Amino acid sequence: MNSRAALYAQAIRGPILLMAVGILFAMQQGGVLPFSRTWPLLIIIIGLVKLIERMFIRPAAPLAPPAPPMPPAGGNWQ
């Protein structure tokens, strides 16, 4: 996937969570379900959004191993 899709997936995280919280509080105010029974849905929604973000983000290239340390340069120290 491209970086534009990854940025889009990250940009919609906040609005999705805000809408979910609003819907859950509206359900509480409407007497459908209390918020104390629906808050786990927020954790599920956060997890789904993170999964979507991970699908669109390219895997990073593996890091090269560090170079071996160089021996000290110079002649004899006396």
PDB file of N, CA and C in Angstrom:
ATOM      1  N   MET A   1       0.831  -1.166   0.000  1.00  0.00           N
ATOM      2  CA  MET A   1       0.000   0.000   0.000  1.00  0.00           C
ATOM      3  C   MET A   1       0.882   1.237   0.000  1.00  0.00           C
ATOM      4  N   ASN A   2       0.272   2.369  -0.271  1.00  0.00           N
ATOM      5  CA  ASN A   2       1.084   3.576  -0.346  1.00  0.00           C
ATOM      6  C   ASN A   2       0.975   4.386   0.939  1.00  0.00           C
ATOM      7  N   SER A   3       1.813   5.400   1.032  1.00  0.00           N
ATOM      8  CA  SER A   3       1.849   6.194   2.253  1.00  0.00           C
ATOM      9  C   SER A   3       0.608   7.065   2.385  1.00  0.00           C
ATOM     10  N   ARG A   4      -0.035   7.412   1.275  1.00  0.00           N
ATOM     11  CA  ARG A   4      -1.252   8.225   1.348  1.00  0.00           C
ATOM     12  C   ARG A   4      -2.349   7.445   2.084  1.00  0.00           C
ATOM     13  N   ALA A   5      -2.472   6.171   1.782  1.00  0.00           N
ATOM     14  CA  ALA A   5      -3.478   5.345   2.460  1.00  0.00           C
ATOM     15  C   ALA A   5      -3.143   5.215   3.940  1.00  0.00           C
ATOM     16  N   ALA A   6      -1.872   5.112   4.275  1.00  0.00           N
ATOM     17  CA  ALA A   6      -1.465   5.010   5.678  1.00  0.00           C
ATOM     18  C   ALA A   6      -1.793   6.301   6.427  1.00  0.00           C
ATOM     19  N   LEU A   7      -1.537   7.443   5.801  1.00  0.00           N
ATOM     20  CA  LEU A   7      -1.862   8.714   6.440  1.00  0.00           C
ATOM     21  C   LEU A   7      -3.368   8.874   6.605  1.00  0.00           C
ATOM     22  N   TYR A   8      -4.118   8.421   5.616  1.00  0.00           N
ATOM     23  CA  TYR A   8      -5.570   8.495   5.709  1.00  0.00           C
ATOM     24  C   TYR A   8      -6.078   7.613   6.850  1.00  0.00           C
ATOM     25  N   ALA A   9      -5.514   6.417   6.970  1.00  0.00           N
ATOM     26  CA  ALA A   9      -5.935   5.509   8.041  1.00  0.00           C
ATOM     27  C   ALA A   9      -5.632   6.110   9.409  1.00  0.00           C
ATOM     28  N   GLN A  10      -4.523   6.819   9.551  1.00  0.00           N
ATOM     29  CA  GLN A  10      -4.194   7.451  10.823  1.00  0.00           C
ATOM     30  C   GLN A  10      -5.054   8.682  11.067  1.00  0.00           C
ATOM     31  N   ALA A  11      -5.448   9.372   9.991  1.00  0.00           N
ATOM     32  CA  ALA A  11      -6.227  10.598  10.135  1.00  0.00           C
ATOM     33  C   ALA A  11      -7.658  10.321  10.581  1.00  0.00           C
ATOM     34  N   ILE A  12      -8.193   9.149  10.278  1.00  0.00           N
ATOM     35  CA  ILE A  12      -9.586   8.882  10.645  1.00  0.00           C
ATOM     36  C   ILE A  12      -9.723   8.294  12.050  1.00  0.00           C
ATOM     37  N   ARG A  13      -8.615   8.039  12.721  1.00  0.00           N
ATOM     38  CA  ARG A  13      -8.675   7.443  14.060  1.00  0.00           C
ATOM     39  C   ARG A  13      -9.469   8.315  15.030  1.00  0.00           C
ATOM     40  N   GLY A  14      -9.145   9.575  15.111  1.00  0.00           N
ATOM     41  CA  GLY A  14      -9.814  10.478  16.052  1.00  0.00           C
ATOM     42  C   GLY A  14     -11.300  10.618  15.788  1.00  0.00           C
ATOM     43  N   PRO A  15     -11.691  10.931  14.541  1.00  0.00           N
ATOM     44  CA  PRO A  15     -13.130  11.059  14.281  1.00  0.00           C
ATOM     45  C   PRO A  15     -13.917   9.781  14.540  1.00  0.00           C
ATOM     46  N   ILE A  16     -13.347   8.629  14.241  1.00  0.00           N
ATOM     47  CA  ILE A  16     -14.054   7.372  14.494  1.00  0.00           C
ATOM     48  C   ILE A  16     -14.266   7.174  15.992  1.00  0.00           C
ATOM     49  N   LEU A  17     -13.226   7.428  16.781  1.00  0.00           N
ATOM     50  CA  LEU A  17     -13.365   7.274  18.233  1.00  0.00           C
ATOM     51  C   LEU A  17     -14.357   8.288  18.804  1.00  0.00           C
ATOM     52  N   LEU A  18     -14.332   9.512  18.295  1.00  0.00           N
ATOM     53  CA  LEU A  18     -15.256  10.527  18.776  1.00  0.00           C
ATOM     54  C   LEU A  18     -16.702  10.153  18.455  1.00  0.00           C
ATOM     55  N   MET A  19     -16.938   9.631  17.256  1.00  0.00           N
ATOM     56  CA  MET A  19     -18.289   9.195  16.900  1.00  0.00           C
ATOM     57  C   MET A  19     -18.720   8.009  17.763  1.00  0.00           C
ATOM     58  N   ALA A  20     -17.807   7.083  18.028  1.00  0.00           N
ATOM     59  CA  ALA A  20     -18.155   5.916  18.849  1.00  0.00           C
ATOM     60  C   ALA A  20     -18.533   6.345  20.269  1.00  0.00           C
ATOM     61  N   VAL A  21     -17.751   7.255  20.849  1.00  0.00           N
ATOM     62  CA  VAL A  21     -18.071   7.732  22.197  1.00  0.00           C
ATOM     63  C   VAL A  21     -19.419   8.447  22.187  1.00  0.00           C
ATOM     64  N   GLY A  22     -19.662   9.254  21.167  1.00  0.00           N
ATOM     65  CA  GLY A  22     -20.945   9.952  21.076  1.00  0.00           C
ATOM     66  C   GLY A  22     -22.116   9.002  20.956  1.00  0.00           C
ATOM     67  N   ILE A  23     -21.968   7.956  20.161  1.00  0.00           N
ATOM     68  CA  ILE A  23     -23.039   6.972  20.009  1.00  0.00           C
ATOM     69  C   ILE A  23     -23.280   6.237  21.320  1.00  0.00           C
ATOM     70  N   LEU A  24     -22.197   5.868  22.016  1.00  0.00           N
ATOM     71  CA  LEU A  24     -22.363   5.153  23.285  1.00  0.00           C
ATOM     72  C   LEU A  24     -23.038   6.027  24.339  1.00  0.00           C
ATOM     73  N   PHE A  25     -22.670   7.313  24.394  1.00  0.00           N
ATOM     74  CA  PHE A  25     -23.329   8.199  25.350  1.00  0.00           C
ATOM     75  C   PHE A  25     -24.783   8.468  24.949  1.00  0.00           C
ATOM     76  N   ALA A  26     -25.057   8.529  23.653  1.00  0.00           N
ATOM     77  CA  ALA A  26     -26.446   8.705  23.211  1.00  0.00           C
ATOM     78  C   ALA A  26     -27.279   7.477  23.587  1.00  0.00           C
ATOM     79  N   MET A  27     -26.679   6.298  23.505  1.00  0.00           N
ATOM     80  CA  MET A  27     -27.396   5.088  23.916  1.00  0.00           C
ATOM     81  C   MET A  27     -27.702   5.125  25.407  1.00  0.00           C
ATOM     82  N   GLN A  28     -26.779   5.679  26.193  1.00  0.00           N
ATOM     83  CA  GLN A  28     -27.022   5.794  27.637  1.00  0.00           C
ATOM     84  C   GLN A  28     -28.136   6.797  27.890  1.00  0.00           C
ATOM     85  N   GLN A  29     -28.091   7.946  27.233  1.00  0.00           N
ATOM     86  CA  GLN A  29     -29.110   8.968  27.455  1.00  0.00           C
ATOM     87  C   GLN A  29     -30.486   8.507  26.979  1.00  0.00           C
ATOM     88  N   GLY A  30     -30.515   7.653  25.941  1.00  0.00           N
ATOM     89  CA  GLY A  30     -31.779   7.144  25.440  1.00  0.00           C
ATOM     90  C   GLY A  30     -32.327   5.999  26.267  1.00  0.00           C
ATOM     91  N   GLY A  31     -31.567   5.533  27.226  1.00  0.00           N
ATOM     92  CA  GLY A  31     -32.026   4.453  28.078  1.00  0.00           C
ATOM     93  C   GLY A  31     -31.885   3.083  27.444  1.00  0.00           C
ATOM     94  N   VAL A  32     -31.120   2.969  26.343  1.00  0.00           N
ATOM     95  CA  VAL A  32     -30.951   1.680  25.677  1.00  0.00           C
ATOM     96  C   VAL A  32     -30.021   0.792  26.490  1.00  0.00           C
ATOM     97  N   LEU A  33     -28.811   1.254  26.710  1.00  0.00           N
ATOM     98  CA  LEU A  33     -27.819   0.522  27.512  1.00  0.00           C
ATOM     99  C   LEU A  33     -27.009   1.539  28.308  1.00  0.00           C
ATOM    100  N   PRO A  34     -26.645   1.212  29.548  1.00  0.00           N
ATOM    101  CA  PRO A  34     -25.777   2.126  30.289  1.00  0.00           C
ATOM    102  C   PRO A  34     -24.346   2.078  29.746  1.00  0.00           C
ATOM    103  N   PHE A  35     -23.649   3.191  29.906  1.00  0.00           N
ATOM    104  CA  PHE A  35     -22.278   3.277  29.403  1.00  0.00           C
ATOM    105  C   PHE A  35     -21.387   2.245  30.082  1.00  0.00           C
ATOM    106  N   SER A  36     -21.697   1.892  31.307  1.00  0.00           N
ATOM    107  CA  SER A  36     -20.868   0.920  32.018  1.00  0.00           C
ATOM    108  C   SER A  36     -20.902  -0.452  31.357  1.00  0.00           C
ATOM    109  N   ARG A  37     -21.899  -0.720  30.514  1.00  0.00           N
ATOM    110  CA  ARG A  37     -21.963  -2.001  29.805  1.00  0.00           C
ATOM    111  C   ARG A  37     -21.431  -1.902  28.383  1.00  0.00           C
ATOM    112  N   THR A  38     -21.267  -0.687  27.859  1.00  0.00           N
ATOM    113  CA  THR A  38     -20.866  -0.543  26.455  1.00  0.00           C
ATOM    114  C   THR A  38     -19.440  -0.069  26.274  1.00  0.00           C
ATOM    115  N   TRP A  39     -18.749   0.337  27.340  1.00  0.00           N
ATOM    116  CA  TRP A  39     -17.397   0.870  27.170  1.00  0.00           C
ATOM    117  C   TRP A  39     -16.419  -0.141  26.562  1.00  0.00           C
ATOM    118  N   PRO A  40     -16.587  -1.462  26.742  1.00  0.00           N
ATOM    119  CA  PRO A  40     -15.651  -2.372  26.076  1.00  0.00           C
ATOM    120  C   PRO A  40     -15.672  -2.248  24.546  1.00  0.00           C
ATOM    121  N   LEU A  41     -16.770  -1.734  24.004  1.00  0.00           N
ATOM    122  CA  LEU A  41     -16.800  -1.501  22.554  1.00  0.00           C
ATOM    123  C   LEU A  41     -15.729  -0.505  22.121  1.00  0.00           C
ATOM    124  N   LEU A  42     -15.399   0.445  22.993  1.00  0.00           N
ATOM    125  CA  LEU A  42     -14.330   1.396  22.661  1.00  0.00           C
ATOM    126  C   LEU A  42     -12.996   0.683  22.480  1.00  0.00           C
ATOM    127  N   ILE A  43     -12.714  -0.279  23.330  1.00  0.00           N
ATOM    128  CA  ILE A  43     -11.470  -1.038  23.209  1.00  0.00           C
ATOM    129  C   ILE A  43     -11.462  -1.832  21.908  1.00  0.00           C
ATOM    130  N   ILE A  44     -12.593  -2.406  21.561  1.00  0.00           N
ATOM    131  CA  ILE A  44     -12.687  -3.165  20.305  1.00  0.00           C
ATOM    132  C   ILE A  44     -12.498  -2.242  19.110  1.00  0.00           C
ATOM    133  N   ILE A  45     -13.114  -1.068  19.142  1.00  0.00           N
ATOM    134  CA  ILE A  45     -12.991  -0.113  18.029  1.00  0.00           C
ATOM    135  C   ILE A  45     -11.550   0.367  17.904  1.00  0.00           C
ATOM    136  N   ILE A  46     -10.899   0.655  19.022  1.00  0.00           N
ATOM    137  CA  ILE A  46      -9.489   1.075  18.974  1.00  0.00           C
ATOM    138  C   ILE A  46      -8.643  -0.027  18.356  1.00  0.00           C
ATOM    139  N   GLY A  47      -8.881  -1.263  18.742  1.00  0.00           N
ATOM    140  CA  GLY A  47      -8.124  -2.378  18.174  1.00  0.00           C
ATOM    141  C   GLY A  47      -8.353  -2.527  16.677  1.00  0.00           C
ATOM    142  N   LEU A  48      -9.600  -2.382  16.237  1.00  0.00           N
ATOM    143  CA  LEU A  48      -9.881  -2.487  14.800  1.00  0.00           C
ATOM    144  C   LEU A  48      -9.220  -1.370  14.007  1.00  0.00           C
ATOM    145  N   VAL A  49      -9.243  -0.160  14.556  1.00  0.00           N
ATOM    146  CA  VAL A  49      -8.596   0.963  13.862  1.00  0.00           C
ATOM    147  C   VAL A  49      -7.092   0.731  13.775  1.00  0.00           C
ATOM    148  N   LYS A  50      -6.490   0.222  14.848  1.00  0.00           N
ATOM    149  CA  LYS A  50      -5.048  -0.066  14.811  1.00  0.00           C
ATOM    150  C   LYS A  50      -4.735  -1.155  13.790  1.00  0.00           C
ATOM    151  N   LEU A  51      -5.601  -2.170  13.678  1.00  0.00           N
ATOM    152  CA  LEU A  51      -5.392  -3.204  12.662  1.00  0.00           C
ATOM    153  C   LEU A  51      -5.451  -2.621  11.256  1.00  0.00           C
ATOM    154  N   ILE A  52      -6.410  -1.743  11.027  1.00  0.00           N
ATOM    155  CA  ILE A  52      -6.529  -1.103   9.713  1.00  0.00           C
ATOM    156  C   ILE A  52      -5.293  -0.277   9.421  1.00  0.00           C
ATOM    157  N   GLU A  53      -4.803   0.468  10.417  1.00  0.00           N
ATOM    158  CA  GLU A  53      -3.587   1.259  10.218  1.00  0.00           C
ATOM    159  C   GLU A  53      -2.409   0.363   9.871  1.00  0.00           C
ATOM    160  N   ARG A  54      -2.266  -0.749  10.564  1.00  0.00           N
ATOM    161  CA  ARG A  54      -1.138  -1.657  10.311  1.00  0.00           C
ATOM    162  C   ARG A  54      -1.221  -2.293   8.936  1.00  0.00           C
ATOM    163  N   MET A  55      -2.437  -2.487   8.420  1.00  0.00           N
ATOM    164  CA  MET A  55      -2.580  -3.068   7.082  1.00  0.00           C
ATOM    165  C   MET A  55      -2.039  -2.116   6.016  1.00  0.00           C
ATOM    166  N   PHE A  56      -2.192  -0.809   6.244  1.00  0.00           N
ATOM    167  CA  PHE A  56      -1.807   0.159   5.232  1.00  0.00           C
ATOM    168  C   PHE A  56      -0.369   0.635   5.358  1.00  0.00           C
ATOM    169  N   ILE A  57       0.247   0.462   6.507  1.00  0.00           N
ATOM    170  CA  ILE A  57       1.621   0.924   6.700  1.00  0.00           C
ATOM    171  C   ILE A  57       2.573  -0.120   6.149  1.00  0.00           C
ATOM    172  N   ARG A  58       3.504   0.333   5.338  1.00  0.00           N
ATOM    173  CA  ARG A  58       4.505  -0.585   4.770  1.00  0.00           C
ATOM    174  C   ARG A  58       5.448  -1.073   5.863  1.00  0.00           C
ATOM    175  N   PRO A  59       5.856  -2.329   5.775  1.00  0.00           N
ATOM    176  CA  PRO A  59       6.835  -2.795   6.768  1.00  0.00           C
ATOM    177  C   PRO A  59       8.177  -2.098   6.532  1.00  0.00           C
ATOM    178  N   ALA A  60       8.822  -1.761   7.595  1.00  0.00           N
ATOM    179  CA  ALA A  60      10.118  -1.091   7.501  1.00  0.00           C
ATOM    180  C   ALA A  60      11.169  -2.064   6.995  1.00  0.00           C
ATOM    181  N   ALA A  61      12.124  -1.523   6.268  1.00  0.00           N
ATOM    182  CA  ALA A  61      13.225  -2.351   5.780  1.00  0.00           C
ATOM    183  C   ALA A  61      14.034  -2.838   6.980  1.00  0.00           C
ATOM    184  N   PRO A  62      14.506  -4.070   6.943  1.00  0.00           N
ATOM    185  CA  PRO A  62      15.301  -4.554   8.074  1.00  0.00           C
ATOM    186  C   PRO A  62      16.582  -3.738   8.223  1.00  0.00           C
ATOM    187  N   LEU A  63      16.947  -3.517   9.455  1.00  0.00           N
ATOM    188  CA  LEU A  63      18.158  -2.744   9.729  1.00  0.00           C
ATOM    189  C   LEU A  63      19.397  -3.591   9.470  1.00  0.00           C
ATOM    190  N   ALA A  64      20.417  -2.941   8.932  1.00  0.00           N
ATOM    191  CA  ALA A  64      21.684  -3.627   8.699  1.00  0.00           C
ATOM    192  C   ALA A  64      22.378  -3.830  10.037  1.00  0.00           C
ATOM    193  N   PRO A  65      23.092  -4.924  10.196  1.00  0.00           N
ATOM    194  CA  PRO A  65      23.805  -5.124  11.464  1.00  0.00           C
ATOM    195  C   PRO A  65      24.895  -4.061  11.616  1.00  0.00           C
ATOM    196  N   PRO A  66      25.196  -3.680  12.845  1.00  0.00           N
ATOM    197  CA  PRO A  66      26.223  -2.651  13.047  1.00  0.00           C
ATOM    198  C   PRO A  66      27.593  -3.155  12.609  1.00  0.00           C
ATOM    199  N   ALA A  67      28.402  -2.217  12.165  1.00  0.00           N
ATOM    200  CA  ALA A  67      29.759  -2.551  11.735  1.00  0.00           C
ATOM    201  C   ALA A  67      30.587  -2.980  12.948  1.00  0.00           C
ATOM    202  N   PRO A  68      31.519  -3.900  12.758  1.00  0.00           N
ATOM    203  CA  PRO A  68      32.363  -4.298  13.895  1.00  0.00           C
ATOM    204  C   PRO A  68      33.236  -3.128  14.338  1.00  0.00           C
ATOM    205  N   PRO A  69      33.577  -3.079  15.623  1.00  0.00           N
ATOM    206  CA  PRO A  69      34.388  -1.953  16.104  1.00  0.00           C
ATOM    207  C   PRO A  69      35.765  -1.975  15.466  1.00  0.00           C
ATOM    208  N   MET A  70      36.256  -0.786  15.195  1.00  0.00           N
ATOM    209  CA  MET A  70      37.575  -0.642  14.584  1.00  0.00           C
ATOM    210  C   MET A  70      38.642  -0.698  15.687  1.00  0.00           C
ATOM    211  N   PRO A  71      39.764  -1.334  15.392  1.00  0.00           N
ATOM    212  CA  PRO A  71      40.861  -1.331  16.389  1.00  0.00           C
ATOM    213  C   PRO A  71      41.438   0.097  16.470  1.00  0.00           C
ATOM    214  N   PRO A  72      42.035   0.419  17.582  1.00  0.00           N
ATOM    215  CA  PRO A  72      42.612   1.760  17.712  1.00  0.00           C
ATOM    216  C   PRO A  72      43.708   1.988  16.671  1.00  0.00           C
ATOM    217  N   ALA A  73      43.700   3.164  16.111  1.00  0.00           N
ATOM    218  CA  ALA A  73      44.711   3.491  15.106  1.00  0.00           C
ATOM    219  C   ALA A  73      45.928   4.115  15.810  1.00  0.00           C
ATOM    220  N   GLY A  74      47.063   4.041  15.164  1.00  0.00           N
ATOM    221  CA  GLY A  74      48.258   4.682  15.724  1.00  0.00           C
ATOM    222  C   GLY A  74      49.353   3.662  15.995  1.00  0.00           C
ATOM    223  N   GLY A  75      50.461   4.155  16.429  1.00  0.00           N
ATOM    224  CA  GLY A  75      51.626   3.297  16.689  1.00  0.00           C
ATOM    225  C   GLY A  75      51.698   2.866  18.132  1.00  0.00           C
ATOM    226  N   ASN A  76      52.897   2.576  18.565  1.00  0.00           N
ATOM    227  CA  ASN A  76      53.123   2.129  19.924  1.00  0.00           C
ATOM    228  C   ASN A  76      53.093   3.316  20.870  1.00  0.00           C
ATOM    229  N   TRP A  77      52.415   3.149  21.952  1.00  0.00           N
ATOM    230  CA  TRP A  77      52.360   4.199  22.976  1.00  0.00           C
ATOM    231  C   TRP A  77      53.252   3.754  24.127  1.00  0.00           C
ATOM    232  N   GLN A  78      54.156   4.553  24.410  1.00  0.00           N
ATOM    233  CA  GLN A  78      55.057   4.197  25.516  1.00  0.00           C
ATOM    234  C   GLN A  78      55.243   5.338  26.446  1.00  0.00           C
TER     235      GLN A  78
END
